[in-house]
N, C-alpha and C. Protein backbone atom coordinates (compact mmCIF):
# COMPACT_ATOMS: atom_id res chain seq x y z
N UNK A 1 118.21 81.76 93.57
CA UNK A 1 118.33 82.90 94.35
C UNK A 1 119.42 82.95 95.35
N UNK A 2 120.14 83.88 95.50
CA UNK A 2 121.22 83.88 96.44
C UNK A 2 120.89 84.91 97.42
N UNK A 3 121.52 85.04 98.71
CA UNK A 3 121.36 85.96 99.69
C UNK A 3 121.93 87.33 99.34
N UNK A 4 121.11 88.32 99.61
CA UNK A 4 121.63 89.79 99.41
C UNK A 4 122.74 89.97 100.25
N UNK A 5 123.60 90.96 99.78
CA UNK A 5 125.01 91.06 100.72
C UNK A 5 124.61 91.60 102.15
N UNK A 6 123.52 92.30 102.26
CA UNK A 6 122.96 92.85 103.62
C UNK A 6 122.21 91.99 104.39
N UNK A 7 122.04 90.67 104.02
CA UNK A 7 121.27 89.61 104.60
C UNK A 7 121.63 89.60 106.07
N UNK A 8 120.65 89.57 107.11
CA UNK A 8 120.94 89.80 108.48
C UNK A 8 121.08 88.34 109.00
N UNK A 9 121.01 87.26 108.31
CA UNK A 9 121.26 85.96 108.86
C UNK A 9 121.71 85.09 107.79
N UNK A 10 122.01 83.75 108.07
CA UNK A 10 122.46 82.87 107.04
C UNK A 10 121.38 81.66 106.90
N UNK A 11 121.68 80.93 105.85
CA UNK A 11 120.78 79.80 105.70
C UNK A 11 121.15 78.63 106.79
N UNK A 12 122.29 78.33 106.97
CA UNK A 12 122.65 77.48 108.15
C UNK A 12 122.03 77.89 109.36
N UNK A 13 121.97 79.13 109.82
CA UNK A 13 121.32 79.52 111.12
C UNK A 13 120.02 79.33 111.04
N UNK A 14 119.36 79.73 110.00
CA UNK A 14 117.88 79.48 109.76
C UNK A 14 117.47 77.96 109.74
N UNK A 15 118.24 77.05 109.05
CA UNK A 15 117.88 75.72 109.22
C UNK A 15 118.09 75.20 110.67
N UNK A 16 119.07 75.71 111.30
CA UNK A 16 119.32 75.14 112.79
C UNK A 16 118.06 75.56 113.63
N UNK A 17 117.50 76.77 113.47
CA UNK A 17 116.38 77.20 114.12
C UNK A 17 115.06 76.46 113.78
N UNK A 18 115.02 76.09 112.47
CA UNK A 18 113.90 75.37 112.12
C UNK A 18 114.11 73.89 112.15
N UNK A 19 115.00 73.45 112.70
CA UNK A 19 115.21 71.93 112.57
C UNK A 19 115.22 71.26 111.40
N UNK A 20 115.92 71.94 110.48
CA UNK A 20 115.92 71.44 109.14
C UNK A 20 117.59 70.89 108.97
N UNK A 21 117.55 69.74 108.63
CA UNK A 21 118.96 69.15 108.44
C UNK A 21 120.03 69.97 107.54
N UNK A 22 121.26 70.05 107.95
CA UNK A 22 122.16 70.81 107.35
C UNK A 22 122.28 70.29 105.97
N UNK A 23 122.13 68.99 105.68
CA UNK A 23 122.42 68.39 104.33
C UNK A 23 120.99 68.41 103.56
N UNK A 24 120.05 68.96 104.07
CA UNK A 24 118.68 69.03 103.30
C UNK A 24 118.64 70.34 102.46
N UNK A 25 118.88 70.26 101.32
CA UNK A 25 118.88 71.53 100.43
C UNK A 25 117.68 71.82 99.64
N UNK A 26 116.55 70.96 99.96
CA UNK A 26 115.38 71.10 99.05
C UNK A 26 114.64 72.39 99.49
N UNK A 27 114.88 73.05 100.47
CA UNK A 27 114.20 74.26 100.91
C UNK A 27 115.09 75.43 100.85
N UNK A 28 116.38 75.39 100.27
CA UNK A 28 117.31 76.47 100.35
C UNK A 28 116.64 77.66 99.65
N UNK A 29 116.34 77.47 98.30
CA UNK A 29 115.65 78.58 97.67
C UNK A 29 114.71 79.29 98.38
N UNK A 30 113.82 78.67 98.94
CA UNK A 30 112.61 79.16 99.66
C UNK A 30 113.23 80.13 100.94
N UNK A 31 114.09 79.46 101.55
CA UNK A 31 114.78 80.07 102.82
C UNK A 31 115.45 81.38 102.33
N UNK A 32 116.21 81.21 101.28
CA UNK A 32 116.98 82.55 100.75
C UNK A 32 115.81 83.61 100.55
N UNK A 33 114.77 83.31 99.78
CA UNK A 33 113.67 84.23 99.66
C UNK A 33 113.26 84.89 100.78
N UNK A 34 113.02 83.94 101.87
CA UNK A 34 112.55 84.44 103.09
C UNK A 34 113.43 85.40 103.81
N UNK A 35 114.73 84.94 104.02
CA UNK A 35 115.86 85.80 104.56
C UNK A 35 116.02 87.27 103.90
N UNK A 36 116.01 87.13 102.53
CA UNK A 36 116.11 88.49 101.76
C UNK A 36 114.84 89.29 102.09
N UNK A 37 113.70 88.68 102.11
CA UNK A 37 112.45 89.38 102.32
C UNK A 37 112.45 89.95 103.67
N UNK A 38 112.86 89.20 104.77
CA UNK A 38 112.79 89.63 106.09
C UNK A 38 113.88 90.83 106.33
N UNK A 39 115.13 90.55 105.67
CA UNK A 39 116.13 91.58 105.85
C UNK A 39 115.54 93.06 105.17
N UNK A 40 114.85 93.05 104.10
CA UNK A 40 114.33 94.10 103.53
C UNK A 40 113.20 94.70 104.18
N UNK A 41 112.42 93.94 104.91
CA UNK A 41 111.19 94.32 105.67
C UNK A 41 111.80 94.98 106.85
N UNK A 42 112.86 94.62 107.48
CA UNK A 42 113.51 95.14 108.66
C UNK A 42 114.04 96.63 108.31
N UNK A 43 114.72 96.53 107.23
CA UNK A 43 115.35 97.90 106.79
C UNK A 43 114.19 98.86 106.53
N UNK A 44 113.17 98.32 105.97
CA UNK A 44 112.15 99.23 105.65
C UNK A 44 111.65 100.00 106.86
N UNK A 45 111.25 99.21 107.84
CA UNK A 45 110.70 99.65 109.14
C UNK A 45 111.61 100.48 109.89
N UNK A 46 112.93 100.10 109.88
CA UNK A 46 113.79 101.14 110.72
C UNK A 46 114.50 102.20 109.74
N UNK A 47 113.91 102.21 108.36
CA UNK A 47 114.33 103.34 107.59
C UNK A 47 115.96 103.46 107.48
N UNK A 48 116.73 102.34 107.37
CA UNK A 48 118.13 102.49 107.38
C UNK A 48 118.69 101.17 106.96
N UNK A 49 119.88 101.10 106.33
CA UNK A 49 120.70 99.97 106.24
C UNK A 49 121.27 99.68 107.36
N UNK A 50 121.22 98.34 107.94
CA UNK A 50 121.55 97.85 109.20
C UNK A 50 122.92 97.04 109.18
N UNK A 51 123.21 96.28 108.20
CA UNK A 51 124.48 95.57 108.15
C UNK A 51 125.54 96.42 107.59
N UNK A 52 126.62 96.45 107.93
CA UNK A 52 127.70 97.30 107.25
C UNK A 52 127.67 97.13 105.78
N UNK A 53 127.75 98.21 104.98
CA UNK A 53 127.59 98.23 103.70
C UNK A 53 128.11 99.50 103.04
N UNK A 54 128.95 99.37 101.82
CA UNK A 54 129.33 100.67 101.25
C UNK A 54 128.31 101.50 100.59
N UNK A 55 128.38 102.89 100.87
CA UNK A 55 127.45 103.83 100.43
C UNK A 55 127.92 104.79 99.52
N UNK A 56 127.20 105.20 98.47
CA UNK A 56 127.61 106.46 97.80
C UNK A 56 126.44 107.36 97.87
N UNK A 57 126.64 108.56 98.28
CA UNK A 57 125.44 109.42 98.51
C UNK A 57 125.81 110.90 98.13
N UNK A 58 124.86 111.46 97.47
CA UNK A 58 124.92 112.91 96.94
C UNK A 58 123.94 113.65 97.69
N UNK A 59 124.51 114.83 98.09
CA UNK A 59 123.77 115.79 98.91
C UNK A 59 124.13 117.34 98.35
N UNK A 60 123.29 118.12 99.00
CA UNK A 60 123.52 119.55 98.47
C UNK A 60 124.29 120.34 99.60
N UNK A 61 125.07 121.29 99.20
CA UNK A 61 125.77 122.08 99.89
C UNK A 61 125.06 123.33 100.38
N UNK A 62 125.28 123.88 101.62
CA UNK A 62 124.50 124.98 102.00
C UNK A 62 125.41 125.94 103.00
N UNK A 63 126.67 125.89 102.69
CA UNK A 63 127.55 126.75 103.61
C UNK A 63 127.59 126.29 105.03
N UNK A 64 127.47 124.92 105.25
CA UNK A 64 127.69 124.27 106.41
C UNK A 64 128.79 123.62 106.53
N UNK A 65 129.44 123.33 107.65
CA UNK A 65 130.57 122.58 107.79
C UNK A 65 130.22 121.24 108.38
N UNK A 66 129.17 120.76 108.80
CA UNK A 66 128.59 119.44 109.20
C UNK A 66 127.58 119.03 108.30
N UNK A 67 127.67 117.78 107.97
CA UNK A 67 126.63 117.19 106.86
C UNK A 67 126.26 116.03 107.59
N UNK A 68 124.88 115.89 107.75
CA UNK A 68 124.26 114.75 108.36
C UNK A 68 124.00 113.75 107.15
N UNK A 69 124.68 112.43 107.49
CA UNK A 69 124.55 111.45 106.45
C UNK A 69 123.12 110.60 106.58
N UNK A 70 122.94 110.04 105.51
CA UNK A 70 121.55 109.23 105.51
C UNK A 70 121.70 107.83 106.19
N UNK A 71 122.86 107.15 106.26
CA UNK A 71 123.13 106.00 106.87
C UNK A 71 123.90 106.06 108.12
N UNK A 72 123.73 105.30 109.10
CA UNK A 72 124.70 105.21 110.39
C UNK A 72 124.65 103.87 111.14
N UNK A 73 125.54 103.52 111.88
CA UNK A 73 126.71 104.34 112.24
C UNK A 73 127.79 104.35 111.15
N UNK A 74 128.30 105.50 110.81
CA UNK A 74 129.35 105.53 109.81
C UNK A 74 130.69 104.92 110.40
N UNK A 75 131.31 104.04 109.70
CA UNK A 75 132.59 103.32 110.13
C UNK A 75 133.79 103.78 109.40
N UNK A 76 133.62 104.32 108.29
CA UNK A 76 134.68 104.88 107.45
C UNK A 76 134.33 105.61 106.31
N UNK A 77 135.01 106.75 105.89
CA UNK A 77 134.59 107.50 104.82
C UNK A 77 135.72 107.26 103.73
N UNK A 78 135.38 106.90 102.61
CA UNK A 78 136.27 106.41 101.39
C UNK A 78 136.78 107.65 100.74
N UNK A 79 135.83 108.43 100.49
CA UNK A 79 136.10 109.70 99.35
C UNK A 79 134.91 110.80 99.84
N UNK A 80 135.55 111.87 99.77
CA UNK A 80 134.72 113.23 99.66
C UNK A 80 134.99 113.98 98.46
N UNK A 81 134.12 114.24 97.73
CA UNK A 81 134.06 115.11 96.46
C UNK A 81 133.16 116.33 96.51
N UNK A 82 133.68 117.59 96.15
CA UNK A 82 132.76 118.70 96.03
C UNK A 82 133.02 119.21 94.64
N UNK A 83 131.95 119.12 93.90
CA UNK A 83 132.04 119.48 92.36
C UNK A 83 130.69 120.34 91.96
N UNK A 84 130.86 121.56 91.76
CA UNK A 84 129.76 122.43 91.27
C UNK A 84 129.19 121.93 89.93
N UNK A 85 129.92 121.33 89.23
CA UNK A 85 129.33 120.79 88.01
C UNK A 85 128.51 119.53 88.07
N UNK A 86 128.69 118.72 89.16
CA UNK A 86 128.11 117.56 89.57
C UNK A 86 128.56 116.39 88.61
N UNK A 87 129.75 116.37 88.13
CA UNK A 87 130.30 115.32 87.36
C UNK A 87 131.27 114.35 88.12
N UNK A 88 131.82 114.94 88.99
CA UNK A 88 132.70 114.18 90.05
C UNK A 88 133.69 113.23 89.47
N UNK A 89 134.39 113.73 88.27
CA UNK A 89 135.38 112.87 87.60
C UNK A 89 136.69 113.64 87.93
N UNK A 90 136.70 114.96 88.02
CA UNK A 90 138.03 115.67 88.07
C UNK A 90 138.75 115.33 89.49
N UNK A 91 140.01 114.88 89.36
CA UNK A 91 140.76 114.76 90.57
C UNK A 91 140.77 115.77 91.56
N UNK A 92 140.61 117.06 91.01
CA UNK A 92 140.70 118.11 91.80
C UNK A 92 139.47 118.49 92.74
N UNK A 93 138.42 117.63 92.49
CA UNK A 93 137.23 117.65 93.29
C UNK A 93 137.34 116.86 94.53
N UNK A 94 138.41 115.90 94.58
CA UNK A 94 138.63 115.24 95.76
C UNK A 94 139.14 115.98 96.95
N UNK A 95 138.51 115.93 98.21
CA UNK A 95 138.96 116.79 99.10
C UNK A 95 139.87 115.81 99.98
N UNK A 96 140.96 116.42 100.54
CA UNK A 96 141.98 115.73 101.33
C UNK A 96 141.34 115.20 102.65
N UNK A 97 141.66 113.92 102.81
CA UNK A 97 141.12 113.31 103.97
C UNK A 97 141.41 113.90 105.26
N UNK A 98 142.54 114.60 105.24
CA UNK A 98 142.88 115.35 106.64
C UNK A 98 142.00 116.59 106.78
N UNK A 99 141.12 116.94 106.01
CA UNK A 99 140.30 118.12 106.11
C UNK A 99 138.79 117.59 106.68
N UNK A 100 138.56 116.27 106.87
CA UNK A 100 137.33 116.06 107.38
C UNK A 100 137.52 114.86 108.28
N UNK A 101 136.42 114.55 109.00
CA UNK A 101 136.35 113.38 109.92
C UNK A 101 134.87 113.10 110.36
N UNK A 102 134.68 111.80 110.77
CA UNK A 102 133.50 111.33 111.18
C UNK A 102 133.14 111.91 112.66
N UNK A 103 132.06 112.60 112.72
CA UNK A 103 131.60 113.14 113.94
C UNK A 103 131.48 112.29 115.08
N UNK A 104 131.50 112.79 116.31
CA UNK A 104 131.28 111.72 117.48
C UNK A 104 129.88 111.09 117.36
N UNK A 105 128.99 111.57 116.69
CA UNK A 105 127.73 110.88 116.76
C UNK A 105 127.65 109.83 115.77
N UNK A 106 128.82 109.52 115.06
CA UNK A 106 128.75 108.50 114.10
C UNK A 106 127.69 108.57 112.97
N UNK A 107 127.23 109.76 112.69
CA UNK A 107 126.17 109.88 111.83
C UNK A 107 126.27 111.24 110.94
N UNK A 108 127.36 111.95 111.06
CA UNK A 108 127.77 113.10 110.45
C UNK A 108 129.19 113.21 109.95
N UNK A 109 129.60 114.12 109.08
CA UNK A 109 130.81 114.35 108.62
C UNK A 109 131.28 115.84 108.93
N UNK A 110 132.25 116.06 109.48
CA UNK A 110 132.72 117.42 109.87
C UNK A 110 133.77 117.73 109.02
N UNK A 111 133.80 119.02 108.40
CA UNK A 111 134.68 119.54 107.24
C UNK A 111 135.34 120.66 107.85
N UNK A 112 136.65 120.74 107.69
CA UNK A 112 137.34 121.90 108.07
C UNK A 112 136.98 123.29 107.54
N UNK A 113 136.38 123.15 106.21
CA UNK A 113 136.01 124.49 105.50
C UNK A 113 134.57 124.44 105.59
N UNK A 114 133.83 124.89 104.54
CA UNK A 114 132.34 124.99 104.41
C UNK A 114 131.92 124.39 103.10
N UNK A 115 131.01 123.63 103.09
CA UNK A 115 130.56 122.99 101.93
C UNK A 115 130.03 124.15 101.17
N UNK A 116 130.23 124.38 99.97
CA UNK A 116 129.76 125.54 99.22
C UNK A 116 128.25 125.07 98.76
N UNK A 117 127.40 126.28 98.71
CA UNK A 117 126.11 126.33 98.23
C UNK A 117 125.96 125.49 96.86
N UNK A 118 124.92 124.62 96.69
CA UNK A 118 124.86 124.01 95.31
C UNK A 118 123.87 122.78 95.42
N UNK A 119 123.43 122.53 94.25
CA UNK A 119 122.54 121.40 94.21
C UNK A 119 123.20 120.09 93.76
N UNK A 120 123.26 119.08 94.76
CA UNK A 120 123.91 117.86 94.52
C UNK A 120 125.41 117.96 93.97
N UNK A 121 125.83 118.94 94.79
CA UNK A 121 127.40 119.22 94.59
C UNK A 121 128.32 118.60 95.45
N UNK A 122 127.90 117.68 96.19
CA UNK A 122 128.72 116.96 97.37
C UNK A 122 128.46 115.52 96.99
N UNK A 123 129.52 114.62 96.93
CA UNK A 123 129.35 113.17 96.90
C UNK A 123 130.28 112.59 97.94
N UNK A 124 129.49 111.72 98.79
CA UNK A 124 130.40 110.98 99.91
C UNK A 124 130.27 109.65 99.62
N UNK A 125 131.48 108.83 99.65
CA UNK A 125 131.67 107.59 99.74
C UNK A 125 131.98 106.90 101.01
N UNK A 126 131.21 106.19 101.63
CA UNK A 126 131.42 105.84 103.07
C UNK A 126 130.84 104.48 103.31
N UNK A 127 131.27 103.98 104.37
CA UNK A 127 130.80 102.58 104.92
C UNK A 127 129.90 102.86 106.20
N UNK A 128 128.78 102.25 106.06
CA UNK A 128 127.85 102.63 107.42
C UNK A 128 127.25 101.21 107.62
N UNK A 129 126.71 101.12 108.87
CA UNK A 129 125.97 100.00 109.50
C UNK A 129 126.86 99.25 110.46
N UNK A 130 126.23 98.17 110.96
CA UNK A 130 126.89 97.50 112.17
C UNK A 130 127.81 96.44 111.54
N UNK A 131 129.06 96.14 112.13
CA UNK A 131 129.88 95.18 111.77
C UNK A 131 130.18 94.19 113.08
N UNK A 132 130.72 93.18 112.75
CA UNK A 132 130.91 92.06 113.80
C UNK A 132 132.05 92.37 114.91
N UNK A 133 132.76 93.47 114.50
CA UNK A 133 133.90 93.78 115.26
C UNK A 133 133.48 94.76 116.46
N UNK A 134 132.87 95.80 115.95
CA UNK A 134 132.41 96.96 116.88
C UNK A 134 131.08 96.95 117.42
N UNK A 135 130.04 96.07 116.78
CA UNK A 135 128.75 96.10 117.05
C UNK A 135 128.20 94.77 117.06
N UNK A 136 128.79 93.68 117.69
CA UNK A 136 128.53 92.42 117.73
C UNK A 136 127.12 92.15 118.24
N UNK A 137 126.80 92.83 119.44
CA UNK A 137 125.53 92.71 120.14
C UNK A 137 124.43 93.09 119.36
N UNK A 138 124.59 94.37 118.64
CA UNK A 138 123.46 94.79 117.73
C UNK A 138 123.25 93.91 116.60
N UNK A 139 124.29 93.32 116.09
CA UNK A 139 123.95 92.39 114.92
C UNK A 139 123.31 91.06 115.33
N UNK A 140 123.79 90.72 116.71
CA UNK A 140 123.07 89.51 117.32
C UNK A 140 121.62 89.67 117.39
N UNK A 141 121.23 90.92 117.86
CA UNK A 141 119.83 91.23 118.04
C UNK A 141 118.99 91.19 116.72
N UNK A 142 119.65 91.89 115.70
CA UNK A 142 119.07 91.95 114.40
C UNK A 142 118.96 90.60 113.76
N UNK A 143 120.03 89.73 113.88
CA UNK A 143 119.91 88.47 113.29
C UNK A 143 118.83 87.60 113.94
N UNK A 144 118.56 87.66 115.29
CA UNK A 144 117.52 86.99 115.97
C UNK A 144 116.21 87.59 115.44
N UNK A 145 115.97 88.87 115.36
CA UNK A 145 114.83 89.29 114.82
C UNK A 145 114.52 88.73 113.32
N UNK A 146 115.50 88.73 112.58
CA UNK A 146 115.44 88.22 111.11
C UNK A 146 115.00 86.74 111.19
N UNK A 147 115.63 85.88 111.86
CA UNK A 147 115.37 84.48 112.05
C UNK A 147 113.92 84.29 112.48
N UNK A 148 113.63 85.10 113.53
CA UNK A 148 112.09 85.01 114.04
C UNK A 148 111.12 85.35 112.80
N UNK A 149 111.53 86.28 111.99
CA UNK A 149 110.59 86.81 110.79
C UNK A 149 110.61 85.66 109.95
N UNK A 150 111.82 85.08 109.66
CA UNK A 150 111.67 83.87 108.59
C UNK A 150 110.84 82.85 109.28
N UNK A 151 111.02 82.68 110.49
CA UNK A 151 109.93 81.32 111.03
C UNK A 151 108.55 81.66 110.94
N UNK A 152 108.29 82.98 111.02
CA UNK A 152 106.86 83.48 110.83
C UNK A 152 106.45 83.29 109.29
N UNK A 153 107.35 83.55 108.50
CA UNK A 153 106.99 83.32 107.03
C UNK A 153 106.79 81.93 106.80
N UNK A 154 107.84 81.07 107.24
CA UNK A 154 107.80 79.71 107.34
C UNK A 154 106.48 79.03 107.70
N UNK A 155 106.07 79.50 108.99
CA UNK A 155 104.83 78.76 109.48
C UNK A 155 103.61 79.09 108.62
N UNK A 156 103.61 80.04 107.72
CA UNK A 156 102.60 80.40 106.88
C UNK A 156 102.65 79.83 105.46
N UNK A 157 103.76 79.25 105.23
CA UNK A 157 104.07 78.72 103.59
C UNK A 157 102.89 77.95 103.14
N UNK A 158 102.48 77.05 103.98
CA UNK A 158 101.43 76.08 103.34
C UNK A 158 100.01 76.15 103.93
N UNK A 159 99.98 77.24 104.55
CA UNK A 159 98.63 77.48 105.23
C UNK A 159 97.59 78.06 104.26
N UNK A 160 96.45 77.77 104.39
CA UNK A 160 95.41 78.25 103.42
C UNK A 160 94.37 79.31 103.97
N UNK A 161 95.11 80.16 104.81
CA UNK A 161 94.21 81.05 105.66
C UNK A 161 94.74 82.61 105.35
N UNK A 162 95.28 82.75 104.24
CA UNK A 162 95.75 84.20 104.03
C UNK A 162 94.56 85.03 104.13
N UNK A 163 94.68 86.27 104.87
CA UNK A 163 93.67 87.13 105.05
C UNK A 163 92.59 86.88 106.04
N UNK A 164 92.74 85.76 106.74
CA UNK A 164 91.65 85.34 107.72
C UNK A 164 92.23 85.52 109.15
N UNK A 165 91.22 85.97 109.92
CA UNK A 165 91.90 86.24 111.38
C UNK A 165 91.67 85.03 112.18
N UNK A 166 90.95 84.09 111.91
CA UNK A 166 90.78 82.85 112.53
C UNK A 166 90.18 81.62 111.65
N UNK A 167 90.40 80.57 112.05
CA UNK A 167 89.75 79.50 111.48
C UNK A 167 89.17 78.43 112.44
N UNK A 168 88.20 77.68 111.88
CA UNK A 168 87.39 76.70 112.91
C UNK A 168 87.60 75.27 112.63
N UNK A 169 87.61 74.33 113.46
CA UNK A 169 87.73 73.02 113.38
C UNK A 169 86.70 72.49 114.34
N UNK A 170 85.72 71.89 113.86
CA UNK A 170 84.65 71.44 114.71
C UNK A 170 84.07 72.43 115.60
N UNK A 171 84.12 72.40 116.97
CA UNK A 171 83.42 73.42 117.80
C UNK A 171 84.62 74.40 118.12
N UNK A 172 85.71 74.30 117.72
CA UNK A 172 86.96 75.01 118.20
C UNK A 172 87.19 76.15 117.04
N UNK A 173 87.66 77.16 117.62
CA UNK A 173 87.95 78.44 116.69
C UNK A 173 89.54 78.87 117.20
N UNK A 174 90.44 78.86 116.08
CA UNK A 174 91.76 79.13 116.52
C UNK A 174 92.04 80.51 115.83
N UNK A 175 92.76 81.32 116.78
CA UNK A 175 93.02 82.64 116.12
C UNK A 175 94.44 82.61 115.15
N UNK A 176 94.50 83.36 114.22
CA UNK A 176 95.56 83.23 113.32
C UNK A 176 96.39 84.43 113.51
N UNK A 177 97.53 84.42 113.66
CA UNK A 177 98.54 85.60 113.85
C UNK A 177 98.79 86.14 112.47
N UNK A 178 98.05 87.25 112.23
CA UNK A 178 98.16 87.85 110.74
C UNK A 178 99.11 89.03 111.04
N UNK A 179 99.36 89.46 112.03
CA UNK A 179 100.29 90.72 112.21
C UNK A 179 101.62 90.27 112.74
N UNK A 180 102.72 91.08 112.56
CA UNK A 180 104.09 90.62 113.06
C UNK A 180 103.90 90.32 114.35
N UNK A 181 104.61 89.23 114.89
CA UNK A 181 104.54 88.87 116.32
C UNK A 181 105.28 90.00 117.18
N UNK A 182 104.71 90.38 118.29
CA UNK A 182 105.36 91.47 119.23
C UNK A 182 106.75 91.30 119.46
N UNK A 183 107.29 90.11 119.73
CA UNK A 183 108.66 89.66 119.99
C UNK A 183 109.64 90.27 119.05
N UNK A 184 109.18 90.33 117.65
CA UNK A 184 109.90 90.72 116.42
C UNK A 184 109.93 92.29 116.41
N UNK A 185 108.68 92.79 116.53
CA UNK A 185 108.67 94.34 116.40
C UNK A 185 109.47 95.08 117.55
N UNK A 186 109.35 94.45 118.82
CA UNK A 186 109.97 94.91 119.76
C UNK A 186 111.54 95.18 119.66
N UNK A 187 112.15 94.18 118.90
CA UNK A 187 113.58 94.20 118.66
C UNK A 187 113.82 95.33 117.56
N UNK A 188 113.03 95.08 116.63
CA UNK A 188 113.08 96.13 115.51
C UNK A 188 113.02 97.63 115.83
N UNK A 189 111.95 97.89 116.74
CA UNK A 189 111.77 99.15 117.16
C UNK A 189 112.90 99.89 117.81
N UNK A 190 113.71 99.04 118.37
CA UNK A 190 114.90 99.55 119.08
C UNK A 190 115.99 100.22 118.05
N UNK A 191 115.86 99.79 116.72
CA UNK A 191 116.71 100.24 115.70
C UNK A 191 116.20 101.24 114.68
N UNK A 192 115.00 101.65 115.02
CA UNK A 192 114.30 102.61 114.08
C UNK A 192 115.18 103.93 114.08
N UNK A 193 115.08 104.59 112.86
CA UNK A 193 115.72 105.90 112.77
C UNK A 193 115.04 106.91 113.75
N UNK A 194 115.65 107.61 114.48
CA UNK A 194 115.00 108.50 115.63
C UNK A 194 115.03 110.00 115.07
N UNK A 195 116.18 110.31 114.32
CA UNK A 195 116.22 111.65 113.92
C UNK A 195 115.29 112.02 112.90
N UNK A 196 115.16 113.29 112.75
CA UNK A 196 114.17 113.85 111.76
C UNK A 196 114.72 113.58 110.39
N UNK A 197 113.82 113.26 109.44
CA UNK A 197 114.28 112.96 108.06
C UNK A 197 115.21 114.05 107.44
N UNK A 198 116.17 113.78 106.62
CA UNK A 198 116.89 114.77 105.92
C UNK A 198 116.19 115.52 104.95
N UNK A 199 115.96 116.82 105.07
CA UNK A 199 115.28 117.51 104.11
C UNK A 199 116.27 118.01 102.96
N UNK A 200 117.52 118.51 103.49
CA UNK A 200 118.48 118.82 102.60
C UNK A 200 117.99 119.65 101.53
N UNK A 201 117.25 120.71 101.83
CA UNK A 201 116.59 121.52 100.86
C UNK A 201 117.32 122.91 100.83
N UNK A 202 117.50 123.58 99.81
CA UNK A 202 118.39 124.88 100.00
C UNK A 202 117.19 125.97 100.11
N UNK A 203 117.62 126.96 100.76
CA UNK A 203 116.71 128.14 100.76
C UNK A 203 117.50 129.36 100.60
N UNK A 204 116.94 130.45 99.96
CA UNK A 204 117.66 131.64 99.74
C UNK A 204 118.32 131.60 98.31
N UNK A 205 119.19 132.46 98.07
CA UNK A 205 120.14 132.48 96.93
C UNK A 205 121.22 131.47 96.95
N UNK A 206 121.41 130.74 95.68
CA UNK A 206 122.66 130.02 95.69
C UNK A 206 123.95 130.97 95.50
């Protein structure tokens, strides 16, 4: 198994945190699984892609000149196409880059004209998410949350207490942390999507 492109941390960083020797590769496959799972879990909770990644997105036009994109922060728009046939292969469907721009909120595209009404007639290729140049602090927070979550997975790897809230040894009872530790969820909550979900549903006549 290899790390996914959007992985929020690296195997060397996880090994250092877990005090696993850099030359010990016996757990690499398991750690890669944990990093991928932790990244996917964090993305699911926040409802967004977090590490900078190329996106291709299709939306509906509704005679608006601002289009809210599904991922953010938007760092670059590679291509904008408008095609009522929804084929998106005709060079004539490509919009001149001088006619649109990323909005100040980093979450929308502003078009000089109006997006014509239609179903799935707009396709945007863009890059969104945090990068190490402009968002080093945010990436550091997310990497730490990912490492902590990997550690949480790691501590449970050989335990035989799945589904149990506590376990006993002699006269002692020890609580088992079955829920995500608060220190992880507090970091993740800071990155949750806060705007309303994109309905992008047309009303009235096309």
